[in-house]
Amino acid sequence: VNVIHTDLKTAPGVDISADILDPRDHAKLKAVSPKAVIC
């Protein structure tokens, strides 16, 4: 399974630094076309 880790902070182990509530960051997350989300 291709797991993409995302968080507000930029640090080792964070694949995408993003705020899901920010429209521009949300677009970055949507671009990876996830089939599943863990929250």
PDB file of all heavy atoms in Angstrom:
ATOM      1  N   VAL A   1       0.845  -1.185   0.000  1.00  0.00           N
ATOM      2  CA  VAL A   1       0.000   0.000   0.000  1.00  0.00           C
ATOM      3  C   VAL A   1       0.887   1.244   0.000  1.00  0.00           C
ATOM      4  O   VAL A   1       1.816   1.359   0.808  1.00  0.00           O
ATOM      5  CB  VAL A   1      -0.931   0.024   1.224  1.00  0.00           C
ATOM      6  CG1 VAL A   1      -1.729   1.331   1.274  1.00  0.00           C
ATOM      7  CG2 VAL A   1      -1.874  -1.172   1.211  1.00  0.00           C
ATOM      8  N   ASN A   2       0.620   2.157  -0.886  1.00  0.00           N
ATOM      9  CA  ASN A   2       1.352   3.418  -0.947  1.00  0.00           C
ATOM     10  C   ASN A   2       0.760   4.371   0.079  1.00  0.00           C
ATOM     11  O   ASN A   2      -0.327   4.920  -0.118  1.00  0.00           O
ATOM     12  CB  ASN A   2       1.267   4.017  -2.350  1.00  0.00           C
ATOM     13  CG  ASN A   2       1.963   5.372  -2.441  1.00  0.00           C
ATOM     14  OD1 ASN A   2       2.828   5.690  -1.636  1.00  0.00           O
ATOM     15  ND2 ASN A   2       1.578   6.157  -3.425  1.00  0.00           N
ATOM     16  N   VAL A   3       1.466   4.569   1.193  1.00  0.00           N
ATOM     17  CA  VAL A   3       1.002   5.429   2.276  1.00  0.00           C
ATOM     18  C   VAL A   3       1.665   6.796   2.136  1.00  0.00           C
ATOM     19  O   VAL A   3       2.889   6.894   2.031  1.00  0.00           O
ATOM     20  CB  VAL A   3       1.326   4.829   3.651  1.00  0.00           C
ATOM     21  CG1 VAL A   3       0.863   5.773   4.762  1.00  0.00           C
ATOM     22  CG2 VAL A   3       0.666   3.468   3.816  1.00  0.00           C
ATOM     23  N   ILE A   4       0.853   7.844   2.143  1.00  0.00           N
ATOM     24  CA  ILE A   4       1.354   9.214   2.042  1.00  0.00           C
ATOM     25  C   ILE A   4       1.044   9.919   3.356  1.00  0.00           C
ATOM     26  O   ILE A   4      -0.118  10.116   3.714  1.00  0.00           O
ATOM     27  CB  ILE A   4       0.686   9.956   0.867  1.00  0.00           C
ATOM     28  CG1 ILE A   4       0.968   9.211  -0.439  1.00  0.00           C
ATOM     29  CG2 ILE A   4       1.185  11.395   0.778  1.00  0.00           C
ATOM     30  CD1 ILE A   4       0.094   9.656  -1.592  1.00  0.00           C
ATOM     31  N   HIS A   5       2.092  10.280   4.082  1.00  0.00           N
ATOM     32  CA  HIS A   5       1.935  10.933   5.381  1.00  0.00           C
ATOM     33  C   HIS A   5       1.901  12.444   5.193  1.00  0.00           C
ATOM     34  O   HIS A   5       2.768  13.018   4.534  1.00  0.00           O
ATOM     35  CB  HIS A   5       3.090  10.553   6.305  1.00  0.00           C
ATOM     36  CG  HIS A   5       3.188   9.089   6.585  1.00  0.00           C
ATOM     37  ND1 HIS A   5       2.304   8.437   7.420  1.00  0.00           N
ATOM     38  CD2 HIS A   5       4.055   8.136   6.126  1.00  0.00           C
ATOM     39  CE1 HIS A   5       2.625   7.149   7.483  1.00  0.00           C
ATOM     40  NE2 HIS A   5       3.680   6.946   6.703  1.00  0.00           N
ATOM     41  N   THR A   6       0.909  13.078   5.795  1.00  0.00           N
ATOM     42  CA  THR A   6       0.776  14.531   5.665  1.00  0.00           C
ATOM     43  C   THR A   6       0.516  15.164   7.016  1.00  0.00           C
ATOM     44  O   THR A   6      -0.199  14.610   7.862  1.00  0.00           O
ATOM     45  CB  THR A   6      -0.349  14.895   4.674  1.00  0.00           C
ATOM     46  OG1 THR A   6      -0.500  16.311   4.612  1.00  0.00           O
ATOM     47  CG2 THR A   6      -1.673  14.282   5.102  1.00  0.00           C
ATOM     48  N   ASP A   7       1.105  16.332   7.224  1.00  0.00           N
ATOM     49  CA  ASP A   7       0.971  17.032   8.490  1.00  0.00           C
ATOM     50  C   ASP A   7       1.204  18.525   8.255  1.00  0.00           C
ATOM     51  O   ASP A   7       1.713  18.917   7.203  1.00  0.00           O
ATOM     52  CB  ASP A   7       1.989  16.493   9.508  1.00  0.00           C
ATOM     53  CG  ASP A   7       1.623  16.850  10.944  1.00  0.00           C
ATOM     54  OD1 ASP A   7       1.974  17.942  11.398  1.00  0.00           O
ATOM     55  OD2 ASP A   7       0.974  16.015  11.601  1.00  0.00           O
ATOM     56  N   LEU A   8       0.840  19.344   9.232  1.00  0.00           N
ATOM     57  CA  LEU A   8       1.084  20.785   9.127  1.00  0.00           C
ATOM     58  C   LEU A   8       2.573  21.100   9.112  1.00  0.00           C
ATOM     59  O   LEU A   8       3.018  22.019   8.439  1.00  0.00           O
ATOM     60  CB  LEU A   8       0.423  21.523  10.292  1.00  0.00           C
ATOM     61  CG  LEU A   8      -1.105  21.589  10.318  1.00  0.00           C
ATOM     62  CD1 LEU A   8      -1.571  22.238  11.619  1.00  0.00           C
ATOM     63  CD2 LEU A   8      -1.629  22.370   9.132  1.00  0.00           C
ATOM     64  N   LYS A   9       3.351  20.320   9.874  1.00  0.00           N
ATOM     65  CA  LYS A   9       4.772  20.594  10.001  1.00  0.00           C
ATOM     66  C   LYS A   9       5.570  20.000   8.841  1.00  0.00           C
ATOM     67  O   LYS A   9       5.152  19.016   8.219  1.00  0.00           O
ATOM     68  CB  LYS A   9       5.310  20.064  11.329  1.00  0.00           C
ATOM     69  CG  LYS A   9       5.141  18.563  11.512  1.00  0.00           C
ATOM     70  CD  LYS A   9       5.724  18.086  12.840  1.00  0.00           C
ATOM     71  CE  LYS A   9       4.889  18.509  14.011  1.00  0.00           C
ATOM     72  NZ  LYS A   9       3.607  17.793  14.092  1.00  0.00           N
ATOM     73  N   THR A  10       6.703  20.586   8.566  1.00  0.00           N
ATOM     74  CA  THR A  10       7.654  20.046   7.598  1.00  0.00           C
ATOM     75  C   THR A  10       8.769  19.365   8.377  1.00  0.00           C
ATOM     76  O   THR A  10       9.496  20.015   9.129  1.00  0.00           O
ATOM     77  CB  THR A  10       8.231  21.170   6.716  1.00  0.00           C
ATOM     78  OG1 THR A  10       7.178  21.811   6.012  1.00  0.00           O
ATOM     79  CG2 THR A  10       9.228  20.608   5.718  1.00  0.00           C
ATOM     80  N   ALA A  11       8.886  18.055   8.236  1.00  0.00           N
ATOM     81  CA  ALA A  11       9.856  17.299   9.025  1.00  0.00           C
ATOM     82  C   ALA A  11      10.075  15.941   8.368  1.00  0.00           C
ATOM     83  O   ALA A  11       9.273  15.508   7.524  1.00  0.00           O
ATOM     84  CB  ALA A  11       9.345  17.126  10.457  1.00  0.00           C
ATOM     85  N   PRO A  12      11.160  15.250   8.717  1.00  0.00           N
ATOM     86  CA  PRO A  12      11.383  13.902   8.188  1.00  0.00           C
ATOM     87  C   PRO A  12      10.193  12.995   8.479  1.00  0.00           C
ATOM     88  O   PRO A  12       9.689  12.957   9.602  1.00  0.00           O
ATOM     89  CB  PRO A  12      12.642  13.440   8.937  1.00  0.00           C
ATOM     90  CG  PRO A  12      13.368  14.695   9.262  1.00  0.00           C
ATOM     91  CD  PRO A  12      12.295  15.703   9.564  1.00  0.00           C
ATOM     92  N   GLY A  13       9.736  12.294   7.468  1.00  0.00           N
ATOM     93  CA  GLY A  13       8.588  11.405   7.629  1.00  0.00           C
ATOM     94  C   GLY A  13       7.279  12.026   7.227  1.00  0.00           C
ATOM     95  O   GLY A  13       6.256  11.336   7.195  1.00  0.00           O
ATOM     96  N   VAL A  14       7.295  13.328   6.907  1.00  0.00           N
ATOM     97  CA  VAL A  14       6.094  14.010   6.417  1.00  0.00           C
ATOM     98  C   VAL A  14       6.259  14.167   4.909  1.00  0.00           C
ATOM     99  O   VAL A  14       7.114  14.920   4.446  1.00  0.00           O
ATOM    100  CB  VAL A  14       5.900  15.387   7.077  1.00  0.00           C
ATOM    101  CG1 VAL A  14       4.676  16.087   6.493  1.00  0.00           C
ATOM    102  CG2 VAL A  14       5.756  15.232   8.589  1.00  0.00           C
ATOM    103  N   ASP A  15       5.450  13.440   4.147  1.00  0.00           N
ATOM    104  CA  ASP A  15       5.579  13.463   2.689  1.00  0.00           C
ATOM    105  C   ASP A  15       5.027  14.755   2.094  1.00  0.00           C
ATOM    106  O   ASP A  15       5.579  15.279   1.125  1.00  0.00           O
ATOM    107  CB  ASP A  15       4.856  12.253   2.080  1.00  0.00           C
ATOM    108  CG  ASP A  15       5.423  10.935   2.585  1.00  0.00           C
ATOM    109  OD1 ASP A  15       6.659  10.772   2.541  1.00  0.00           O
ATOM    110  OD2 ASP A  15       4.637  10.089   3.040  1.00  0.00           O
ATOM    111  N   ILE A  16       3.917  15.227   2.642  1.00  0.00           N
ATOM    112  CA  ILE A  16       3.307  16.470   2.167  1.00  0.00           C
ATOM    113  C   ILE A  16       2.973  17.331   3.375  1.00  0.00           C
ATOM    114  O   ILE A  16       2.213  16.918   4.246  1.00  0.00           O
ATOM    115  CB  ILE A  16       2.019  16.207   1.352  1.00  0.00           C
ATOM    116  CG1 ILE A  16       2.296  15.314   0.148  1.00  0.00           C
ATOM    117  CG2 ILE A  16       1.409  17.526   0.890  1.00  0.00           C
ATOM    118  CD1 ILE A  16       1.052  14.958  -0.648  1.00  0.00           C
ATOM    119  N   SER A  17       3.553  18.514   3.424  1.00  0.00           N
ATOM    120  CA  SER A  17       3.215  19.464   4.481  1.00  0.00           C
ATOM    121  C   SER A  17       2.029  20.295   4.002  1.00  0.00           C
ATOM    122  O   SER A  17       2.141  21.041   3.025  1.00  0.00           O
ATOM    123  CB  SER A  17       4.413  20.371   4.784  1.00  0.00           C
ATOM    124  OG  SER A  17       4.072  21.335   5.757  1.00  0.00           O
ATOM    125  N   ALA A  18       0.888  20.147   4.674  1.00  0.00           N
ATOM    126  CA  ALA A  18      -0.327  20.799   4.181  1.00  0.00           C
ATOM    127  C   ALA A  18      -1.365  20.924   5.276  1.00  0.00           C
ATOM    128  O   ALA A  18      -1.399  20.137   6.222  1.00  0.00           O
ATOM    129  CB  ALA A  18      -0.905  20.008   3.010  1.00  0.00           C
ATOM    130  N   ASP A  19      -2.215  21.937   5.098  1.00  0.00           N
ATOM    131  CA  ASP A  19      -3.399  22.155   5.940  1.00  0.00           C
ATOM    132  C   ASP A  19      -4.607  21.826   5.083  1.00  0.00           C
ATOM    133  O   ASP A  19      -4.897  22.524   4.110  1.00  0.00           O
ATOM    134  CB  ASP A  19      -3.433  23.614   6.411  1.00  0.00           C
ATOM    135  CG  ASP A  19      -4.669  23.934   7.254  1.00  0.00           C
ATOM    136  OD1 ASP A  19      -5.531  23.052   7.420  1.00  0.00           O
ATOM    137  OD2 ASP A  19      -4.760  25.075   7.736  1.00  0.00           O
ATOM    138  N   ILE A  20      -5.313  20.771   5.427  1.00  0.00           N
ATOM    139  CA  ILE A  20      -6.428  20.309   4.605  1.00  0.00           C
ATOM    140  C   ILE A  20      -7.509  21.373   4.460  1.00  0.00           C
ATOM    141  O   ILE A  20      -8.262  21.380   3.478  1.00  0.00           O
ATOM    142  CB  ILE A  20      -7.037  19.009   5.194  1.00  0.00           C
ATOM    143  CG1 ILE A  20      -8.053  18.389   4.218  1.00  0.00           C
ATOM    144  CG2 ILE A  20      -7.644  19.259   6.556  1.00  0.00           C
ATOM    145  CD1 ILE A  20      -8.594  17.052   4.681  1.00  0.00           C
ATOM    146  N   LEU A  21      -7.590  22.318   5.400  1.00  0.00           N
ATOM    147  CA  LEU A  21      -8.611  23.363   5.337  1.00  0.00           C
ATOM    148  C   LEU A  21      -8.197  24.539   4.457  1.00  0.00           C
ATOM    149  O   LEU A  21      -9.028  25.389   4.137  1.00  0.00           O
ATOM    150  CB  LEU A  21      -8.937  23.864   6.746  1.00  0.00           C
ATOM    151  CG  LEU A  21      -9.503  22.808   7.713  1.00  0.00           C
ATOM    152  CD1 LEU A  21      -9.792  23.437   9.064  1.00  0.00           C
ATOM    153  CD2 LEU A  21     -10.754  22.162   7.145  1.00  0.00           C
ATOM    154  N   ASP A  22      -6.941  24.585   4.077  1.00  0.00           N
ATOM    155  CA  ASP A  22      -6.466  25.629   3.171  1.00  0.00           C
ATOM    156  C   ASP A  22      -6.720  25.180   1.729  1.00  0.00           C
ATOM    157  O   ASP A  22      -6.290  24.092   1.344  1.00  0.00           O
ATOM    158  CB  ASP A  22      -4.974  25.866   3.392  1.00  0.00           C
ATOM    159  CG  ASP A  22      -4.429  26.971   2.505  1.00  0.00           C
ATOM    160  OD1 ASP A  22      -4.170  26.692   1.306  1.00  0.00           O
ATOM    161  OD2 ASP A  22      -4.257  28.096   2.991  1.00  0.00           O
ATOM    162  N   PRO A  23      -7.409  25.977   0.916  1.00  0.00           N
ATOM    163  CA  PRO A  23      -7.758  25.552  -0.448  1.00  0.00           C
ATOM    164  C   PRO A  23      -6.563  25.133  -1.294  1.00  0.00           C
ATOM    165  O   PRO A  23      -6.627  24.147  -2.040  1.00  0.00           O
ATOM    166  CB  PRO A  23      -8.450  26.794  -1.036  1.00  0.00           C
ATOM    167  CG  PRO A  23      -9.003  27.505   0.149  1.00  0.00           C
ATOM    168  CD  PRO A  23      -8.003  27.296   1.244  1.00  0.00           C
ATOM    169  N   ARG A  24      -5.448  25.860  -1.190  1.00  0.00           N
ATOM    170  CA  ARG A  24      -4.273  25.502  -1.993  1.00  0.00           C
ATOM    171  C   ARG A  24      -3.652  24.201  -1.520  1.00  0.00           C
ATOM    172  O   ARG A  24      -3.263  23.359  -2.340  1.00  0.00           O
ATOM    173  CB  ARG A  24      -3.246  26.642  -1.933  1.00  0.00           C
ATOM    174  CG  ARG A  24      -3.674  27.912  -2.679  1.00  0.00           C
ATOM    175  CD  ARG A  24      -2.710  29.048  -2.429  1.00  0.00           C
ATOM    176  NE  ARG A  24      -2.692  29.430  -1.012  1.00  0.00           N
ATOM    177  CZ  ARG A  24      -1.955  30.412  -0.515  1.00  0.00           C
ATOM    178  NH1 ARG A  24      -1.161  31.122  -1.313  1.00  0.00           N
ATOM    179  NH2 ARG A  24      -1.994  30.709   0.777  1.00  0.00           N
ATOM    180  N   ASP A  25      -3.571  24.031  -0.199  1.00  0.00           N
ATOM    181  CA  ASP A  25      -3.033  22.778   0.328  1.00  0.00           C
ATOM    182  C   ASP A  25      -3.972  21.612   0.036  1.00  0.00           C
ATOM    183  O   ASP A  25      -3.526  20.487  -0.236  1.00  0.00           O
ATOM    184  CB  ASP A  25      -2.806  22.896   1.832  1.00  0.00           C
ATOM    185  CG  ASP A  25      -1.595  23.755   2.177  1.00  0.00           C
ATOM    186  OD1 ASP A  25      -0.843  24.110   1.243  1.00  0.00           O
ATOM    187  OD2 ASP A  25      -1.413  24.070   3.366  1.00  0.00           O
ATOM    188  N   HIS A  26      -5.257  21.877   0.121  1.00  0.00           N
ATOM    189  CA  HIS A  26      -6.229  20.825  -0.179  1.00  0.00           C
ATOM    190  C   HIS A  26      -6.062  20.335  -1.613  1.00  0.00           C
ATOM    191  O   HIS A  26      -6.169  19.129  -1.892  1.00  0.00           O
ATOM    192  CB  HIS A  26      -7.654  21.349   0.033  1.00  0.00           C
ATOM    193  CG  HIS A  26      -8.708  20.311  -0.130  1.00  0.00           C
ATOM    194  ND1 HIS A  26      -9.362  20.079  -1.330  1.00  0.00           N
ATOM    195  CD2 HIS A  26      -9.233  19.400   0.750  1.00  0.00           C
ATOM    196  CE1 HIS A  26     -10.233  19.112  -1.178  1.00  0.00           C
ATOM    197  NE2 HIS A  26     -10.183  18.680   0.068  1.00  0.00           N
ATOM    198  N   ALA A  27      -5.762  21.246  -2.513  1.00  0.00           N
ATOM    199  CA  ALA A  27      -5.540  20.865  -3.914  1.00  0.00           C
ATOM    200  C   ALA A  27      -4.315  19.964  -4.039  1.00  0.00           C
ATOM    201  O   ALA A  27      -4.300  19.025  -4.856  1.00  0.00           O
ATOM    202  CB  ALA A  27      -5.372  22.114  -4.775  1.00  0.00           C
ATOM    203  N   LYS A  28      -3.272  20.216  -3.234  1.00  0.00           N
ATOM    204  CA  LYS A  28      -2.078  19.372  -3.250  1.00  0.00           C
ATOM    205  C   LYS A  28      -2.416  17.953  -2.796  1.00  0.00           C
ATOM    206  O   LYS A  28      -1.925  16.968  -3.360  1.00  0.00           O
ATOM    207  CB  LYS A  28      -0.996  19.949  -2.344  1.00  0.00           C
ATOM    208  CG  LYS A  28      -0.329  21.203  -2.849  1.00  0.00           C
ATOM    209  CD  LYS A  28       0.968  21.493  -2.089  1.00  0.00           C
ATOM    210  CE  LYS A  28       0.741  21.709  -0.630  1.00  0.00           C
ATOM    211  NZ  LYS A  28       1.999  22.086   0.090  1.00  0.00           N
ATOM    212  N   LEU A  29      -3.241  17.852  -1.780  1.00  0.00           N
ATOM    213  CA  LEU A  29      -3.621  16.538  -1.271  1.00  0.00           C
ATOM    214  C   LEU A  29      -4.507  15.802  -2.271  1.00  0.00           C
ATOM    215  O   LEU A  29      -4.365  14.590  -2.475  1.00  0.00           O
ATOM    216  CB  LEU A  29      -4.341  16.680   0.068  1.00  0.00           C
ATOM    217  CG  LEU A  29      -3.541  17.316   1.206  1.00  0.00           C
ATOM    218  CD1 LEU A  29      -4.418  17.494   2.442  1.00  0.00           C
ATOM    219  CD2 LEU A  29      -2.318  16.480   1.539  1.00  0.00           C
ATOM    220  N   LYS A  30      -5.412  16.527  -2.883  1.00  0.00           N
ATOM    221  CA  LYS A  30      -6.325  15.910  -3.851  1.00  0.00           C
ATOM    222  C   LYS A  30      -5.559  15.408  -5.083  1.00  0.00           C
ATOM    223  O   LYS A  30      -5.965  14.434  -5.728  1.00  0.00           O
ATOM    224  CB  LYS A  30      -7.399  16.908  -4.264  1.00  0.00           C
ATOM    225  CG  LYS A  30      -8.548  16.291  -5.072  1.00  0.00           C
ATOM    226  CD  LYS A  30      -9.656  17.301  -5.286  1.00  0.00           C
ATOM    227  CE  LYS A  30     -10.795  16.710  -6.118  1.00  0.00           C
ATOM    228  NZ  LYS A  30     -11.423  15.548  -5.469  1.00  0.00           N
ATOM    229  N   ALA A  31      -4.433  16.060  -5.389  1.00  0.00           N
ATOM    230  CA  ALA A  31      -3.660  15.698  -6.575  1.00  0.00           C
ATOM    231  C   ALA A  31      -3.047  14.304  -6.485  1.00  0.00           C
ATOM    232  O   ALA A  31      -2.722  13.710  -7.518  1.00  0.00           O
ATOM    233  CB  ALA A  31      -2.558  16.735  -6.808  1.00  0.00           C
ATOM    234  N   VAL A  32      -2.902  13.764  -5.274  1.00  0.00           N
ATOM    235  CA  VAL A  32      -2.335  12.413  -5.146  1.00  0.00           C
ATOM    236  C   VAL A  32      -3.406  11.349  -5.358  1.00  0.00           C
ATOM    237  O   VAL A  32      -3.095  10.148  -5.356  1.00  0.00           O
ATOM    238  CB  VAL A  32      -1.656  12.216  -3.775  1.00  0.00           C
ATOM    239  CG1 VAL A  32      -0.606  13.274  -3.545  1.00  0.00           C
ATOM    240  CG2 VAL A  32      -2.675  12.210  -2.630  1.00  0.00           C
ATOM    241  N   SER A  33      -4.656  11.764  -5.523  1.00  0.00           N
ATOM    242  CA  SER A  33      -5.779  10.847  -5.810  1.00  0.00           C
ATOM    243  C   SER A  33      -5.883   9.705  -4.806  1.00  0.00           C
ATOM    244  O   SER A  33      -5.853   8.519  -5.173  1.00  0.00           O
ATOM    245  CB  SER A  33      -5.644  10.283  -7.230  1.00  0.00           C
ATOM    246  OG  SER A  33      -5.630  11.327  -8.179  1.00  0.00           O
ATOM    247  N   PRO A  34      -6.026  10.022  -3.515  1.00  0.00           N
ATOM    248  CA  PRO A  34      -6.123   8.946  -2.524  1.00  0.00           C
ATOM    249  C   PRO A  34      -7.407   8.143  -2.679  1.00  0.00           C
ATOM    250  O   PRO A  34      -8.462   8.685  -2.997  1.00  0.00           O
ATOM    251  CB  PRO A  34      -6.105   9.702  -1.192  1.00  0.00           C
ATOM    252  CG  PRO A  34      -6.677  11.045  -1.522  1.00  0.00           C
ATOM    253  CD  PRO A  34      -6.185  11.356  -2.901  1.00  0.00           C
ATOM    254  N   LYS A  35      -7.292   6.853  -2.452  1.00  0.00           N
ATOM    255  CA  LYS A  35      -8.467   5.983  -2.430  1.00  0.00           C
ATOM    256  C   LYS A  35      -8.979   5.766  -1.010  1.00  0.00           C
ATOM    257  O   LYS A  35     -10.093   5.266  -0.816  1.00  0.00           O
ATOM    258  CB  LYS A  35      -8.141   4.640  -3.077  1.00  0.00           C
ATOM    259  CG  LYS A  35      -7.907   4.713  -4.578  1.00  0.00           C
ATOM    260  CD  LYS A  35      -7.690   3.322  -5.148  1.00  0.00           C
ATOM    261  CE  LYS A  35      -7.471   3.356  -6.649  1.00  0.00           C
ATOM    262  NZ  LYS A  35      -7.209   2.004  -7.204  1.00  0.00           N
ATOM    263  N   ALA A  36      -8.129   6.109  -0.028  1.00  0.00           N
ATOM    264  CA  ALA A  36      -8.515   5.946   1.373  1.00  0.00           C
ATOM    265  C   ALA A  36      -7.834   7.023   2.201  1.00  0.00           C
ATOM    266  O   ALA A  36      -6.761   7.518   1.845  1.00  0.00           O
ATOM    267  CB  ALA A  36      -8.128   4.564   1.887  1.00  0.00           C
ATOM    268  N   VAL A  37      -8.478   7.383   3.304  1.00  0.00           N
ATOM    269  CA  VAL A  37      -7.954   8.398   4.213  1.00  0.00           C
ATOM    270  C   VAL A  37      -8.050   7.886   5.639  1.00  0.00           C
ATOM    271  O   VAL A  37      -9.086   7.347   6.048  1.00  0.00           O
ATOM    272  CB  VAL A  37      -8.733   9.724   4.084  1.00  0.00           C
ATOM    273  CG1 VAL A  37      -8.348  10.693   5.205  1.00  0.00           C
ATOM    274  CG2 VAL A  37      -8.496  10.373   2.734  1.00  0.00           C
ATOM    275  N   ILE A  38      -6.954   8.046   6.392  1.00  0.00           N
ATOM    276  CA  ILE A  38      -6.957   7.791   7.832  1.00  0.00           C
ATOM    277  C   ILE A  38      -6.872   9.130   8.537  1.00  0.00           C
ATOM    278  O   ILE A  38      -6.009   9.958   8.224  1.00  0.00           O
ATOM    279  CB  ILE A  38      -5.766   6.903   8.253  1.00  0.00           C
ATOM    280  CG1 ILE A  38      -5.950   5.471   7.742  1.00  0.00           C
ATOM    281  CG2 ILE A  38      -5.610   6.892   9.771  1.00  0.00           C
ATOM    282  CD1 ILE A  38      -4.772   4.556   8.056  1.00  0.00           C
ATOM    283  N   CYS A  39      -7.772   9.350   9.478  1.00  0.00           N
ATOM    284  CA  CYS A  39      -7.795  10.604  10.237  1.00  0.00           C
ATOM    285  C   CYS A  39      -8.032  10.268  11.704  1.00  0.00           C
ATOM    286  O   CYS A  39      -9.161   9.950  12.086  1.00  0.00           O
ATOM    287  CB  CYS A  39      -8.878  11.535   9.704  1.00  0.00           C
ATOM    288  SG  CYS A  39      -9.002  13.105  10.584  1.00  0.00           S
TER     289      CYS A  39
END
